[in-house]
Amino acid sequence: MSQIEIKVLGSGDAFGSGGRFQACFYIQSEAGRFLIDCGSSSLIAMKRFGVDPSAVDMILLSHLHGDHFGGIPFFILDAQFARRAHPLVIAGPPGVKRRIQEAMEVLFPRSSKSEQKFAIEFIELPERSNTAIGSLKVTPFSVIHPSGDTPYALRVQCGEKVIGYSGDTEWTETLLEVSRGADLFLCEAYFFEKNIKFHLSYRTLMEHRAQLGCRKLVLTHMGNDMLNHLRGLDVEWAEDGKSIFL
């Protein structure tokens, strides 16, 4: 079985806390090369860390907030100027095509009407349905994080490995389904112990750690409060530019 590499391109929050890029993970495997989330800073992060955007076959989106999908207009235009020829698949919550086209029109008027030399296929992921995308199998689970359209946590089967991703959410028992048996669970820890609506704290996550059932837990989407508490943690956390191997 070949190794899977997860390259952390962005482990930060929406506001660049700690100088970190917004949510984005690049996965290389025999099942494909794809991104999980693509925040507004993701194209910069790709070029900073030596990831060729033209190598990306698919983009999987957890939810439609700018720090998770706002990089796609830049990604598409960069691909167009770089003369990309092979297709791109973008999969996410219902409404994903409309929201991306609206974002493109806000940022670059008339850009959503331009014809690309490469095909873009938009896939709306039905909740709790195991959807085949190329050689991947993606199952989205609805979580608690209002974002205009249904917010998801994602469970991605990549060959014989499973990657779970919380997206953004306050605690919900649904996360146990996403993480159970996963080889890697990427989970947000926005605050250290402060509980606010729609986000998850480290303390709350640790209260449920024994129930998660994942082989590896890695924290991400950390704000300043969480970054100030990293020393002494007994769990791994993401760093921009870091590679995780499964």
Protein backbone atom coordinates (compact mmCIF):
# COMPACT_ATOMS: atom_id res chain seq x y z
CA MET A 1 0.00 0.00 0.00
CA SER A 2 1.47 3.36 -1.00
CA GLN A 3 1.97 6.20 1.43
CA ILE A 4 -0.38 9.17 1.58
CA GLU A 5 1.00 12.66 2.21
CA ILE A 6 -1.16 15.42 3.67
CA LYS A 7 0.56 18.77 3.20
CA VAL A 8 -0.76 21.47 5.53
CA LEU A 9 -1.10 24.61 3.42
CA GLY A 10 -3.22 26.51 5.93
CA SER A 11 -3.91 25.79 9.60
CA GLY A 12 -5.12 29.21 10.72
CA ASP A 13 -8.41 30.96 11.30
CA ALA A 14 -10.17 33.56 9.15
CA PHE A 15 -8.05 36.40 10.53
CA GLY A 16 -4.48 35.20 9.98
CA SER A 17 -3.81 34.54 13.67
CA GLY A 18 -0.16 33.74 14.22
CA GLY A 19 0.59 34.67 10.61
CA ARG A 20 -0.97 31.40 9.46
CA PHE A 21 -2.70 30.81 6.16
CA GLN A 22 -6.39 29.96 6.01
CA ALA A 23 -7.76 26.40 5.89
CA CYS A 24 -6.26 24.26 3.15
CA PHE A 25 -4.80 20.73 2.97
CA TYR A 26 -3.16 19.13 -0.06
CA ILE A 27 -3.36 15.34 -0.26
CA GLN A 28 -1.26 13.21 -2.59
CA SER A 29 -2.15 9.56 -3.01
CA GLU A 30 -2.74 6.89 -5.62
CA ALA A 31 -6.43 7.81 -5.41
CA GLY A 32 -5.70 11.35 -6.59
CA ARG A 33 -4.26 14.73 -5.72
CA PHE A 34 -6.76 17.02 -4.09
CA LEU A 35 -7.38 19.87 -1.70
CA ILE A 36 -9.59 19.81 1.34
CA ASP A 37 -10.81 23.40 1.64
CA CYS A 38 -9.30 26.34 -0.19
CA GLY A 39 -9.35 29.52 1.90
CA SER A 40 -8.67 32.95 0.45
CA SER A 41 -4.90 32.69 1.03
CA SER A 42 -4.53 29.17 -0.38
CA LEU A 43 -3.01 30.01 -3.77
CA ILE A 44 -0.31 32.03 -2.00
CA ALA A 45 0.29 29.11 0.37
CA MET A 46 0.58 26.66 -2.51
CA LYS A 47 3.24 28.76 -4.15
CA ARG A 48 5.01 29.36 -0.83
CA PHE A 49 5.26 25.63 -0.09
CA GLY A 50 6.02 24.38 -3.59
CA VAL A 51 2.67 22.82 -4.50
CA ASP A 52 1.89 23.09 -8.20
CA PRO A 53 -1.77 24.19 -8.57
CA SER A 54 -1.97 22.36 -11.90
CA ALA A 55 -1.37 19.09 -10.03
CA VAL A 56 -4.67 19.45 -8.15
CA ASP A 57 -7.41 17.29 -9.65
CA MET A 58 -10.17 17.94 -7.10
CA ILE A 59 -11.15 20.43 -4.40
CA LEU A 60 -13.39 19.25 -1.57
CA LEU A 61 -15.13 21.96 0.45
CA SER A 62 -16.48 21.64 3.97
CA HIS A 63 -18.51 24.86 3.97
CA LEU A 64 -18.88 28.15 2.18
CA HIS A 65 -17.15 30.74 4.35
CA GLY A 66 -14.41 32.81 2.74
CA ASP A 67 -11.61 31.29 4.81
CA HIS A 68 -12.60 27.86 3.48
CA PHE A 69 -13.60 28.48 -0.16
CA GLY A 70 -12.54 32.06 -0.95
CA GLY A 71 -9.35 30.97 -2.72
CA ILE A 72 -11.20 29.28 -5.54
CA PRO A 73 -11.73 32.37 -7.74
CA PHE A 74 -7.96 33.00 -7.59
CA PHE A 75 -7.25 29.31 -8.23
CA ILE A 76 -9.48 29.24 -11.33
CA LEU A 77 -8.08 32.44 -12.83
CA ASP A 78 -4.50 31.35 -12.14
CA ALA A 79 -5.24 28.04 -13.86
CA GLN A 80 -6.69 29.87 -16.84
CA PHE A 81 -3.63 32.11 -17.22
CA ALA A 82 -1.34 29.08 -16.74
CA ARG A 83 -3.14 27.34 -19.64
CA ARG A 84 -4.38 24.44 -17.59
CA ALA A 85 -5.89 21.78 -19.86
CA HIS A 86 -7.08 18.94 -17.62
CA PRO A 87 -10.42 19.01 -15.80
CA LEU A 88 -11.02 20.28 -12.29
CA VAL A 89 -13.65 18.87 -9.94
CA ILE A 90 -15.04 21.06 -7.15
CA ALA A 91 -17.29 19.30 -4.64
CA GLY A 92 -19.05 20.78 -1.66
CA PRO A 93 -22.39 21.54 -0.01
CA PRO A 94 -25.52 22.20 -2.07
CA GLY A 95 -25.19 25.68 -3.57
CA VAL A 96 -21.45 25.35 -4.19
CA LYS A 97 -21.54 26.30 -7.89
CA ARG A 98 -23.76 29.34 -7.31
CA ARG A 99 -21.68 30.60 -4.39
CA ILE A 100 -18.40 30.26 -6.28
CA GLN A 101 -19.79 32.06 -9.31
CA GLU A 102 -21.10 34.84 -7.06
CA ALA A 103 -17.69 35.13 -5.38
CA MET A 104 -15.97 35.35 -8.75
CA GLU A 105 -18.28 38.15 -9.84
CA VAL A 106 -17.62 40.12 -6.63
CA LEU A 107 -13.84 39.74 -6.87
CA PHE A 108 -13.38 39.80 -10.66
CA PRO A 109 -16.49 41.03 -12.50
CA ARG A 110 -17.43 38.97 -15.57
CA SER A 111 -14.88 36.28 -14.65
CA SER A 112 -17.56 33.65 -14.01
CA LYS A 113 -18.71 34.06 -17.61
CA SER A 114 -15.26 33.49 -19.12
CA GLU A 115 -14.70 30.21 -20.93
CA GLN A 116 -11.83 28.16 -19.57
CA LYS A 117 -9.77 25.77 -21.67
CA PHE A 118 -10.32 23.20 -18.96
CA ALA A 119 -13.61 21.73 -17.81
CA ILE A 120 -14.88 22.49 -14.30
CA GLU A 121 -17.31 19.98 -12.81
CA PHE A 122 -19.26 21.07 -9.75
CA ILE A 123 -20.62 18.33 -7.51
CA GLU A 124 -23.15 18.98 -4.75
CA LEU A 125 -22.55 16.45 -2.00
CA PRO A 126 -25.72 14.98 -0.47
CA GLU A 127 -25.62 14.72 3.30
CA ARG A 128 -24.56 11.29 4.64
CA SER A 129 -24.29 9.89 1.12
CA ASN A 130 -21.08 8.08 0.17
CA THR A 131 -20.25 9.87 -3.09
CA ALA A 132 -17.61 8.55 -5.48
CA ILE A 133 -15.42 11.32 -6.92
CA GLY A 134 -12.80 9.76 -9.13
CA SER A 135 -11.15 7.14 -6.92
CA LEU A 136 -12.20 8.90 -3.72
CA LYS A 137 -15.29 8.24 -1.64
CA VAL A 138 -16.55 11.30 0.21
CA THR A 139 -19.23 11.30 2.91
CA PRO A 140 -20.38 14.67 4.30
CA PHE A 141 -22.04 15.10 7.68
CA SER A 142 -24.03 18.20 8.61
CA VAL A 143 -22.52 20.17 11.52
CA ILE A 144 -23.32 23.36 13.46
CA HIS A 145 -21.77 26.37 11.75
CA PRO A 146 -24.17 28.62 9.77
CA SER A 147 -22.50 29.60 6.51
CA GLY A 148 -25.30 30.37 4.08
CA ASP A 149 -25.56 26.79 2.86
CA THR A 150 -25.29 23.47 4.72
CA PRO A 151 -21.97 23.20 6.62
CA TYR A 152 -20.25 19.83 6.53
CA ALA A 153 -17.64 17.76 8.27
CA LEU A 154 -16.07 15.40 5.73
CA ARG A 155 -15.02 11.77 5.81
CA VAL A 156 -12.80 10.94 2.83
CA GLN A 157 -11.86 7.39 1.86
CA CYS A 158 -8.58 7.58 0.00
CA GLY A 159 -7.55 4.09 -1.06
CA GLU A 160 -7.35 2.07 2.15
CA LYS A 161 -7.00 5.15 4.35
CA VAL A 162 -9.69 7.39 5.82
CA ILE A 163 -9.27 11.10 6.54
CA GLY A 164 -11.82 12.81 8.75
CA TYR A 165 -12.15 16.60 8.82
CA SER A 166 -14.34 18.57 11.19
CA GLY A 167 -14.62 21.72 9.12
CA ASP A 168 -15.88 24.42 11.51
CA THR A 169 -18.43 23.49 14.15
CA GLU A 170 -19.29 23.57 17.81
CA TRP A 171 -19.32 20.16 19.50
CA THR A 172 -21.79 17.71 18.00
CA GLU A 173 -22.00 13.94 18.38
CA THR A 174 -21.77 13.82 14.58
CA LEU A 175 -18.02 14.30 14.93
CA LEU A 176 -17.81 10.84 16.47
CA GLU A 177 -19.14 9.38 13.22
CA VAL A 178 -16.62 11.39 11.21
CA SER A 179 -13.64 10.38 13.35
CA ARG A 180 -14.49 6.77 14.22
CA GLY A 181 -11.86 4.47 12.70
CA ALA A 182 -10.26 7.30 10.71
CA ASP A 183 -6.52 7.08 10.13
CA LEU A 184 -6.37 10.87 10.57
CA PHE A 185 -8.88 13.27 12.09
CA LEU A 186 -8.16 16.94 11.38
CA CYS A 187 -10.21 18.86 13.91
CA GLU A 188 -10.62 22.52 14.65
CA ALA A 189 -9.62 23.91 18.04
CA TYR A 190 -10.35 27.60 17.70
CA PHE A 191 -10.13 28.47 21.40
CA PHE A 192 -8.29 26.78 24.26
CA GLU A 193 -11.13 26.55 26.79
CA LYS A 194 -13.56 29.34 25.93
CA ASN A 195 -16.83 28.00 24.55
CA ILE A 196 -18.60 30.07 21.89
CA LYS A 197 -21.33 29.16 19.45
CA PHE A 198 -20.38 27.51 16.17
CA HIS A 199 -16.72 26.75 17.08
CA LEU A 200 -14.90 24.11 19.09
CA SER A 201 -12.50 24.57 22.00
CA TYR A 202 -9.58 22.32 22.86
CA ARG A 203 -11.03 21.60 26.31
CA THR A 204 -14.34 20.46 24.85
CA LEU A 205 -12.58 18.27 22.29
CA MET A 206 -10.42 16.67 24.98
CA GLU A 207 -13.52 15.84 27.01
CA HIS A 208 -14.56 13.61 24.11
CA ARG A 209 -11.12 12.44 23.01
CA ALA A 210 -11.56 8.85 24.21
CA GLN A 211 -14.73 8.58 22.13
CA LEU A 212 -13.22 9.81 18.86
CA GLY A 213 -11.78 6.45 17.85
CA CYS A 214 -9.30 7.87 15.34
CA ARG A 215 -5.73 6.63 14.93
CA LYS A 216 -4.26 10.13 14.74
CA LEU A 217 -5.73 13.44 15.90
CA VAL A 218 -4.30 16.73 14.60
CA LEU A 219 -5.62 20.13 15.67
CA THR A 220 -6.16 22.94 13.15
CA HIS A 221 -8.01 26.25 12.60
CA MET A 222 -6.42 27.76 15.71
CA GLY A 223 -6.97 31.34 16.82
CA ASN A 224 -4.59 33.45 18.93
CA ASP A 225 -5.99 32.13 22.19
CA MET A 226 -5.28 28.54 21.16
CA LEU A 227 -1.86 29.36 19.71
CA ASN A 228 -0.82 30.80 23.06
CA HIS A 229 -1.47 27.42 24.72
CA LEU A 230 0.34 25.05 22.35
CA ARG A 231 3.27 24.28 24.64
CA GLY A 232 2.58 21.34 26.86
CA LEU A 233 -0.34 19.92 24.87
CA ASP A 234 -0.49 16.13 24.67
CA VAL A 235 -1.89 16.15 21.15
CA GLU A 236 -0.42 16.99 17.75
CA TRP A 237 -1.28 20.23 15.96
CA ALA A 238 -0.96 21.41 12.38
CA GLU A 239 1.69 23.85 11.18
CA ASP A 240 1.69 25.57 7.79
CA GLY A 241 4.09 23.70 5.51
CA LYS A 242 4.07 20.53 7.63
CA SER A 243 3.59 17.11 6.03
CA ILE A 244 1.65 14.29 7.67
CA PHE A 245 2.18 10.79 6.32
CA LEU A 246 -0.27 7.89 6.55
